[in-house]
Protein backbone atom coordinates (compact mmCIF):
# COMPACT_ATOMS: atom_id res chain seq x y z
CA MET A 1 102.43 32.49 6.67
CA GLU A 2 99.72 29.66 6.49
CA ARG A 3 96.32 30.76 8.21
CA ASP A 4 95.71 28.76 11.42
CA PRO A 5 91.42 28.89 10.18
CA ASP A 6 90.67 28.40 14.33
CA ALA A 7 92.38 31.92 15.23
CA PHE A 8 91.15 33.64 12.00
CA ALA A 9 87.27 32.62 13.29
CA ASP A 10 88.23 33.41 16.68
CA ASP A 11 89.25 36.74 16.20
CA ILE A 12 86.48 37.71 13.48
CA ILE A 13 83.67 36.80 15.70
CA ALA A 14 85.51 38.85 18.20
CA ARG A 15 85.69 42.03 16.31
CA TYR A 16 82.05 41.10 14.81
CA GLY A 17 81.03 41.54 18.24
CA ARG A 18 83.24 44.99 18.91
CA HIS A 19 82.57 46.80 16.30
CA ILE A 20 79.13 45.46 14.49
CA SER A 21 76.81 43.36 16.69
CA SER A 22 77.88 42.02 20.09
CA SER A 23 74.63 39.87 20.02
CA MET A 24 75.37 38.64 16.27
CA ALA A 25 78.76 37.19 17.71
CA ARG A 26 76.80 35.77 20.40
CA LEU A 27 73.92 33.76 18.30
CA TYR A 28 76.64 32.83 16.04
CA ARG A 29 78.74 31.04 18.93
CA PHE A 30 75.34 29.80 20.52
CA MET A 31 74.08 28.11 16.91
CA GLY A 32 77.11 26.99 16.01
CA LEU A 33 77.93 29.05 13.50
CA ALA A 34 81.44 30.87 14.63
CA THR A 35 83.35 30.54 11.63
CA VAL A 36 83.78 32.74 8.34
CA GLU A 37 82.11 32.51 5.49
CA TRP A 38 84.95 32.35 2.24
CA GLY A 39 83.85 31.47 -0.87
CA GLY A 40 81.50 28.83 -2.86
CA GLN A 41 80.27 27.99 -5.97
CA GLY A 42 76.69 27.32 -7.38
CA ALA A 43 74.86 25.94 -5.21
CA VAL A 44 77.75 25.44 -2.65
CA CYS A 45 79.16 27.43 0.26
CA THR A 46 82.33 27.19 1.81
CA ASP A 47 83.92 28.89 4.89
CA VAL A 48 87.19 29.15 6.02
CA HIS A 49 88.03 26.12 7.43
CA GLY A 50 87.38 24.72 3.87
CA ARG A 51 83.87 23.20 4.95
CA GLU A 52 81.24 22.99 2.29
CA TYR A 53 77.68 23.46 2.71
CA LEU A 54 74.72 23.31 0.52
CA ASP A 55 73.01 26.66 0.60
CA PHE A 56 69.66 26.64 0.26
CA ASN A 57 69.81 30.33 1.86
CA GLY A 58 71.53 31.78 -0.65
CA CYS A 59 71.84 35.83 1.14
CA ASN A 60 67.33 35.49 1.81
CA GLY A 61 67.46 33.61 -2.11
CA THR A 62 69.80 36.66 -3.68
CA LEU A 63 71.79 33.65 -5.46
CA PHE A 64 69.34 32.54 -7.95
CA HIS A 65 71.88 32.12 -10.19
CA GLY A 66 74.29 30.44 -7.33
CA ARG A 67 77.55 31.78 -6.65
CA ARG A 68 79.86 33.68 -8.65
CA HIS A 69 78.00 32.49 -11.87
CA PRO A 70 80.62 32.78 -14.84
CA ARG A 71 78.71 35.34 -16.46
CA VAL A 72 77.90 37.65 -13.97
CA ILE A 73 81.07 37.57 -13.10
CA ALA A 74 82.37 38.44 -16.43
CA ALA A 75 80.32 41.31 -17.04
CA VAL A 76 81.59 42.67 -13.93
CA ARG A 77 85.95 42.29 -14.77
CA GLU A 78 84.44 43.46 -18.23
CA GLN A 79 82.78 46.73 -17.17
CA LEU A 80 85.55 47.36 -14.20
CA ASP A 81 88.30 47.71 -16.72
CA ARG A 82 85.83 50.15 -18.12
CA LEU A 83 83.77 52.19 -16.19
CA THR A 84 82.22 52.24 -12.97
CA ILE A 85 80.89 54.50 -11.19
CA THR A 86 79.68 58.16 -13.84
CA SER A 87 79.22 61.97 -13.19
CA ARG A 88 75.57 61.40 -13.64
CA LEU A 89 75.76 64.36 -16.14
CA PHE A 90 76.28 61.51 -18.93
CA ALA A 91 74.16 58.51 -20.07
CA HIS A 92 75.75 55.27 -19.97
CA GLN A 93 75.26 51.91 -22.01
CA PRO A 94 74.71 49.26 -19.30
CA GLY A 95 71.70 51.08 -17.16
CA VAL A 96 69.95 51.91 -20.80
CA GLU A 97 70.46 48.26 -22.12
CA LEU A 98 69.39 46.92 -18.49
CA ALA A 99 66.17 49.42 -18.90
CA THR A 100 65.29 48.50 -22.16
CA LEU A 101 65.63 44.53 -21.61
CA LEU A 102 63.34 44.81 -18.52
CA ALA A 103 60.50 46.82 -20.51
CA GLU A 104 60.66 44.11 -23.26
CA VAL A 105 60.48 41.38 -20.88
CA SER A 106 57.87 42.51 -17.77
CA PRO A 107 54.11 41.95 -17.91
CA GLY A 108 51.79 44.60 -18.92
CA ASP A 109 53.48 47.79 -20.38
CA LEU A 110 55.49 48.38 -17.83
CA GLN A 111 58.27 50.68 -19.89
CA TYR A 112 60.10 52.92 -17.27
CA SER A 113 62.68 51.79 -14.74
CA PHE A 114 64.36 53.63 -11.95
CA PHE A 115 67.37 51.70 -10.22
CA CYS A 116 68.30 52.10 -7.00
CA ASN A 117 70.44 49.51 -4.49
CA SER A 118 68.13 47.38 -2.56
CA GLY A 119 64.50 46.06 -2.35
CA ALA A 120 63.87 47.86 0.11
CA GLU A 121 64.58 51.62 -1.38
CA ALA A 122 62.72 50.55 -4.28
CA VAL A 123 59.21 50.18 -2.19
CA GLU A 124 60.18 53.65 -0.83
CA GLY A 125 60.22 54.65 -4.51
CA ALA A 126 57.01 52.84 -5.31
CA MET A 127 55.04 54.28 -2.86
CA LYS A 128 56.34 57.90 -3.48
CA LEU A 129 54.99 57.77 -6.84
CA ALA A 130 52.01 56.18 -6.15
CA ARG A 131 51.43 59.55 -4.01
CA VAL A 132 52.77 62.62 -6.35
CA TYR A 133 50.68 60.47 -9.68
CA THR A 134 47.42 59.89 -7.83
CA GLY A 135 47.91 63.14 -5.16
CA ARG A 136 46.65 60.80 -2.94
CA PRO A 137 48.03 60.14 0.23
CA GLU A 138 47.00 56.38 1.80
CA ILE A 139 48.79 53.56 1.06
CA ILE A 140 47.20 49.71 1.63
CA ALA A 141 48.94 46.57 2.46
CA ALA A 142 48.56 43.30 3.77
CA GLN A 143 48.97 41.98 7.44
CA ASN A 144 51.61 39.53 7.30
CA ALA A 145 53.49 41.85 4.55
CA PHE A 146 57.43 42.56 4.60
CA HIS A 147 58.63 45.30 2.53
CA GLY A 148 61.84 46.44 3.88
CA LYS A 149 63.39 48.22 7.14
CA THR A 150 63.75 51.72 6.35
CA PHE A 151 61.24 53.64 7.48
CA GLY A 152 58.54 54.29 4.48
CA ALA A 153 58.83 50.42 3.57
CA LEU A 154 58.54 49.65 7.37
CA SER A 155 55.34 51.66 7.48
CA ALA A 156 54.09 49.02 4.65
CA THR A 157 55.88 46.13 7.10
CA ALA A 158 53.23 44.28 9.14
CA ARG A 159 55.24 43.11 11.99
CA GLU A 160 55.43 44.48 15.43
CA LEU A 161 58.46 43.71 16.22
CA PHE A 162 60.33 45.60 13.43
CA ARG A 163 57.48 48.88 13.45
CA ALA A 164 57.31 49.03 17.41
CA PRO A 165 60.42 51.00 18.26
CA PHE A 166 60.38 53.75 15.70
CA GLU A 167 57.08 54.42 15.63
CA PRO A 168 55.06 56.59 14.57
CA LEU A 169 55.64 55.76 11.31
CA LEU A 170 55.18 57.35 8.20
CA PRO A 171 50.77 58.22 8.63
CA GLY A 172 48.07 56.60 5.64
CA VAL A 173 49.90 53.57 5.26
CA ARG A 174 46.44 50.57 6.65
CA HIS A 175 46.92 47.23 6.69
CA VAL A 176 44.25 44.56 5.78
CA PRO A 177 44.38 40.78 5.92
CA TYR A 178 46.39 39.20 3.04
CA GLY A 179 44.12 37.24 0.92
CA ASP A 180 40.79 38.86 1.52
CA ALA A 181 39.24 40.69 -1.20
CA GLY A 182 36.25 41.81 0.29
CA ALA A 183 38.28 43.23 3.13
CA LEU A 184 40.60 45.25 0.92
CA GLU A 185 37.49 46.94 -1.31
CA ALA A 186 35.83 47.90 2.15
CA ALA A 187 39.42 49.76 3.36
CA ILE A 188 39.74 51.57 0.14
CA THR A 189 38.76 55.27 0.17
CA ASP A 190 38.74 58.88 -2.12
CA ARG A 191 41.86 59.14 -0.30
CA THR A 192 43.60 55.68 -1.14
CA ALA A 193 46.65 55.95 -4.32
CA ALA A 194 47.67 52.26 -4.18
CA VAL A 195 47.58 49.07 -2.81
CA LEU A 196 50.74 47.77 -2.11
CA LEU A 197 51.54 43.62 -2.13
CA GLU A 198 53.48 40.68 -2.14
CA PRO A 199 52.59 37.91 -5.04
CA VAL A 200 53.69 35.49 -2.54
CA GLN A 201 54.31 36.56 0.98
CA GLY A 202 58.38 35.98 1.51
CA GLU A 203 59.34 36.91 5.26
CA GLY A 204 55.72 36.24 6.51
CA GLY A 205 56.37 32.50 6.09
CA VAL A 206 56.12 31.79 2.27
CA ILE A 207 51.77 32.65 1.73
CA VAL A 208 50.63 31.49 -1.40
CA PRO A 209 46.82 33.59 -2.07
CA PRO A 210 43.80 32.01 -3.29
CA GLY A 211 43.92 31.47 -6.86
CA ASP A 212 41.38 34.01 -7.24
CA TYR A 213 42.94 36.72 -4.95
CA LEU A 214 45.06 38.65 -7.21
CA PRO A 215 43.06 38.96 -10.88
CA ALA A 216 40.04 40.29 -7.69
CA VAL A 217 42.58 42.48 -6.63
CA ARG A 218 43.49 43.54 -10.15
CA GLU A 219 40.03 43.88 -10.97
CA LEU A 220 39.50 45.88 -8.01
CA CYS A 221 41.99 48.23 -8.48
CA ASP A 222 41.14 49.37 -11.57
CA ARG A 223 37.52 49.75 -10.83
CA ARG A 224 38.65 51.97 -7.82
CA GLY A 225 40.52 53.52 -9.43
CA VAL A 226 43.71 52.74 -7.71
CA LEU A 227 47.14 51.89 -8.06
CA LEU A 228 48.51 48.02 -8.05
CA ILE A 229 51.91 47.98 -7.24
CA LEU A 230 53.50 44.23 -6.64
CA ASP A 231 56.40 44.16 -4.58
CA GLU A 232 58.67 41.08 -5.83
CA VAL A 233 61.64 41.65 -4.23
CA GLN A 234 61.68 38.12 -3.27
CA ALA A 235 59.43 36.16 -5.31
CA GLY A 236 60.20 37.98 -8.92
CA LEU A 237 63.08 36.98 -11.33
CA GLY A 238 62.41 33.78 -11.46
CA ARG A 239 62.39 32.65 -8.36
CA THR A 240 58.29 31.18 -8.40
CA GLY A 241 59.33 29.55 -11.94
CA ARG A 242 57.86 32.52 -13.62
CA LEU A 243 60.79 35.02 -14.46
CA PHE A 244 57.60 37.78 -13.16
CA CYS A 245 55.47 36.33 -10.12
CA SER A 246 52.76 38.39 -11.12
CA GLU A 247 52.44 35.88 -14.40
CA HIS A 248 51.18 33.30 -12.53
CA TRP A 249 48.14 34.97 -12.22
CA GLY A 250 47.97 36.46 -15.91
CA LEU A 251 48.32 40.17 -14.96
CA ALA A 252 50.54 42.90 -14.29
CA PRO A 253 50.62 45.77 -11.95
CA ASP A 254 50.93 49.89 -12.72
CA ILE A 255 54.15 49.41 -10.51
CA VAL A 256 56.23 46.49 -9.79
CA THR A 257 59.71 46.26 -7.05
CA LEU A 258 62.65 44.19 -8.26
CA GLY A 259 65.92 43.65 -6.01
CA LYS A 260 68.17 40.70 -4.87
CA ILE A 261 67.93 38.24 -7.78
CA LEU A 262 68.24 41.37 -10.10
CA GLY A 263 71.79 41.63 -9.18
CA GLY A 264 73.07 37.99 -10.61
CA GLY A 265 74.71 37.77 -6.80
CA VAL A 266 77.40 39.76 -7.10
CA MET A 267 75.77 43.83 -6.64
CA PRO A 268 73.67 45.10 -4.80
CA VAL A 269 70.66 46.27 -7.20
CA GLY A 270 67.15 47.71 -7.12
CA ALA A 271 64.50 48.95 -9.05
CA PHE A 272 60.87 49.64 -9.47
CA MET A 273 59.48 49.92 -13.09
CA ALA A 274 55.84 51.33 -13.91
CA ARG A 275 53.72 51.99 -16.79
CA ALA A 276 54.69 55.45 -18.77
CA ASP A 277 51.68 57.44 -17.52
CA VAL A 278 52.28 56.31 -14.33
CA PHE A 279 55.85 57.30 -14.13
CA ARG A 280 55.17 60.81 -15.45
CA PRO A 281 55.33 62.47 -12.29
CA PHE A 282 59.37 61.22 -12.10
CA ASP A 283 59.72 61.38 -15.78
CA GLU A 284 58.88 65.69 -16.19
CA ASN A 285 61.40 65.93 -12.89
CA PRO A 286 64.55 63.13 -13.11
CA TYR A 287 65.37 65.01 -9.97
CA ILE A 288 61.97 64.51 -7.74
CA HIS A 289 63.37 61.32 -6.59
CA SER A 290 67.02 60.37 -7.42
CA SER A 291 70.14 57.93 -6.06
CA THR A 292 73.74 58.35 -6.44
CA PHE A 293 74.46 54.89 -6.83
CA GLY A 294 71.71 53.44 -8.31
CA GLY A 295 72.17 52.11 -11.30
CA ASN A 296 75.99 52.67 -11.69
CA PRO A 297 77.65 50.61 -14.62
CA LEU A 298 78.98 48.33 -12.49
CA ALA A 299 75.37 47.62 -11.19
CA SER A 300 74.01 47.76 -14.51
CA ALA A 301 76.10 45.18 -15.98
CA ALA A 302 75.71 42.64 -13.23
CA ALA A 303 71.93 42.47 -13.40
CA LEU A 304 71.64 42.81 -17.42
CA ALA A 305 74.01 39.44 -17.61
CA ALA A 306 71.91 37.80 -14.70
CA LEU A 307 68.96 39.02 -16.64
CA GLN A 308 70.37 37.69 -20.13
CA ALA A 309 71.53 34.46 -18.16
CA THR A 310 68.37 33.66 -16.90
CA LEU A 311 66.32 34.09 -20.17
CA GLU A 312 68.65 32.17 -22.39
CA GLU A 313 69.74 29.33 -19.78
CA GLY A 314 66.08 28.68 -18.61
CA LEU A 315 66.40 29.31 -14.66
CA ALA A 316 62.80 30.34 -14.41
CA GLU A 317 61.46 26.88 -15.96
CA GLN A 318 64.24 24.66 -13.75
CA ALA A 319 63.21 26.62 -11.02
CA ALA A 320 59.68 25.27 -11.18
CA GLU A 321 60.95 22.18 -12.23
CA LYS A 322 62.92 21.72 -9.59
CA GLY A 323 60.96 23.09 -7.27
CA ALA A 324 58.59 20.85 -7.77
CA PHE A 325 60.81 18.08 -6.65
CA LEU A 326 62.18 19.25 -3.83
CA ARG A 327 58.40 20.35 -2.15
CA ALA A 328 57.35 16.28 -3.12
CA GLY A 329 60.54 15.44 -1.03
CA LEU A 330 59.96 17.65 1.61
CA GLU A 331 55.88 17.08 1.56
CA GLN A 332 57.68 13.03 1.99
CA VAL A 333 59.38 14.42 5.22
CA ARG A 334 55.90 15.86 6.62
CA ARG A 335 54.15 12.93 5.91
CA ASP A 336 57.16 11.12 7.92
CA HIS A 337 57.10 13.36 10.91
CA PRO A 338 53.16 14.83 10.91
CA ASP A 339 53.93 16.04 14.48
CA VAL A 340 57.13 18.26 13.90
CA ILE A 341 55.74 19.48 10.19
CA ARG A 342 52.69 21.11 9.99
CA GLU A 343 53.08 22.29 6.18
CA VAL A 344 54.88 22.44 2.95
CA ARG A 345 53.76 24.86 0.41
CA GLY A 346 55.35 27.60 -2.07
CA LEU A 347 56.00 28.06 -5.87
CA GLY A 348 58.90 27.18 -8.02
CA LEU A 349 62.26 27.69 -5.28
CA MET A 350 60.29 29.33 -2.81
CA ILE A 351 59.40 27.25 -0.42
CA GLY A 352 58.42 27.34 3.03
CA ILE A 353 58.41 24.45 5.96
CA GLU A 354 55.55 25.76 8.56
CA LEU A 355 56.28 23.65 11.93
CA HIS A 356 53.59 23.09 14.67
CA ARG A 357 55.97 25.07 17.45
CA GLU A 358 57.94 28.08 17.54
CA GLY A 359 61.51 27.47 18.63
CA LEU A 360 61.64 24.70 16.77
CA GLY A 361 63.41 26.57 13.56
CA GLY A 362 66.45 26.86 15.52
CA VAL A 363 66.99 23.64 16.84
CA ILE A 364 66.50 22.46 12.57
CA ILE A 365 68.52 25.31 11.46
CA ALA A 366 71.83 24.24 14.17
CA ASP A 367 71.42 20.32 12.92
CA ILE A 368 71.46 20.85 9.66
CA VAL A 369 73.79 23.75 9.07
CA ALA A 370 75.89 21.32 11.48
CA ASN A 371 75.64 18.59 9.00
CA GLY A 372 76.06 20.87 5.50
CA LEU A 373 72.91 22.42 5.05
CA LEU A 374 72.27 26.33 5.04
CA ALA A 375 68.22 27.48 5.50
CA ILE A 376 66.84 30.15 7.40
CA HIS A 377 63.54 30.65 9.23
CA SER A 378 61.35 33.76 8.00
CA LEU A 379 61.37 37.24 9.63
CA ALA A 380 57.60 37.11 10.36
CA ASN A 381 56.92 33.94 11.51
CA GLU A 382 59.81 32.10 13.09
CA ARG A 383 57.78 28.51 12.58
CA VAL A 384 58.57 28.88 8.49
CA LEU A 385 61.70 27.61 7.77
CA ARG A 386 62.66 28.44 4.04
CA PHE A 387 64.33 26.92 1.47
CA LEU A 388 65.63 29.51 -1.32
CA PRO A 389 68.11 27.32 -3.42
CA PRO A 390 69.57 28.97 -6.40
CA ALA A 391 68.03 27.56 -9.95
CA VAL A 392 71.48 25.57 -10.94
CA VAL A 393 71.22 23.30 -7.90
CA THR A 394 71.49 19.62 -9.04
CA ARG A 395 69.44 16.34 -8.30
CA GLU A 396 72.57 15.21 -6.01
CA GLN A 397 72.64 18.30 -4.15
CA MET A 398 68.45 18.21 -3.36
CA ASP A 399 68.32 14.63 -2.72
CA ARG A 400 71.32 15.09 -0.47
CA ALA A 401 69.30 18.09 1.24
CA LEU A 402 67.10 16.11 1.43
CA GLU A 403 68.49 13.49 3.38
CA ILE A 404 69.94 15.93 5.80
CA PHE A 405 66.74 18.04 6.21
CA ALA A 406 64.79 14.41 7.23
CA ALA A 407 67.65 13.42 9.36
CA ALA A 408 67.58 16.43 11.49
CA VAL A 409 63.62 16.56 11.67
CA ALA A 410 63.72 12.74 12.81
CA ARG A 411 66.08 14.72 16.15
CA ALA A 412 63.89 17.24 16.52
CA GLU A 413 60.82 14.77 16.97
CA ALA A 414 62.88 12.58 19.38
CA VAL A 415 63.91 15.53 21.32
CA LEU A 416 60.14 16.51 21.52
CA ALA A 417 59.48 12.81 22.44
CA ASP A 418 61.37 13.21 25.47
CA VAL A 419 60.13 16.63 26.77
């Protein structure tokens, strides 16, 4: 029997409210999002009504390869017919191939990889590794940072909205102003194990640091004998126009965390990588930190195919070129509507649009979604909207997105004028 899409969507949203989150169900209805996501390809998402949306949200930047990249889908299907999960008593080829390729393409001498299921898990592992390697208890993170919401990662995440209900959190995590190397140096003590930073703050509002900041941090960590952990869960693997975001500054971390893009938009995969000497405690005792599903054959096959596609299809280079085009178009919208948009910033296809007023973001997002464009605000700075489209987005799709966004901003400005 043919499905009635309206009745189907009403039922799904109602049951979502009863069994997953009543507040999110209410928000879906309030924002005009009370439909059901159903499919898509490339930069296009479709709902159960058959409506198409340009996806410039992409699961918070996860869908860098676009939806259902053929190469990643084929790799997972092939692996599905052979080996899906392992006994954990034997090695398996996809995981080894993935770790080998990551070691070959990563900056510096990041030789070892540990695979998990998410970016937050990767941060947890990186923090544990830094502590056990150095024998020191403290981690320094940045104000405005976002590293995840599991307990250890949340301790490094800065926003009080997420932290306050669960305090006291992990002791020994301190926050300093982002972009201020002097403040960081003053905070380092003989108890500091590592400095944990996003090379570009994502949920904090797409904050690109001053050009001399990360090189200064690298020099400072070397001089003070402290590890540098770069969280590239959102900014890594091509998103900013380089395969690893740290390459913009010509440096390498001691530990790097990866996620989101790593799974090719098909499987959940996270990882942290480290130099051989830093990884030694985990190497000498492989059971000191483990994950039942981390690096399973299906996830590894997806990640390997995704990384190969990024390299062979030049997706990082495409992100640099297309990101420059989009930022130029958004900058024109800012110039046309300076009372609405304060700033456009970013690297590659990681773009932030800062508004003058909090609350306008929800108005603009509801407008653009109604007209076929998906974007998202920043979790730690709700005045900032983010554009995180896939590298496979076309010029025509970018033109259309800019047209939809400009019209929404103009309507928001008209509302402001009437207030």
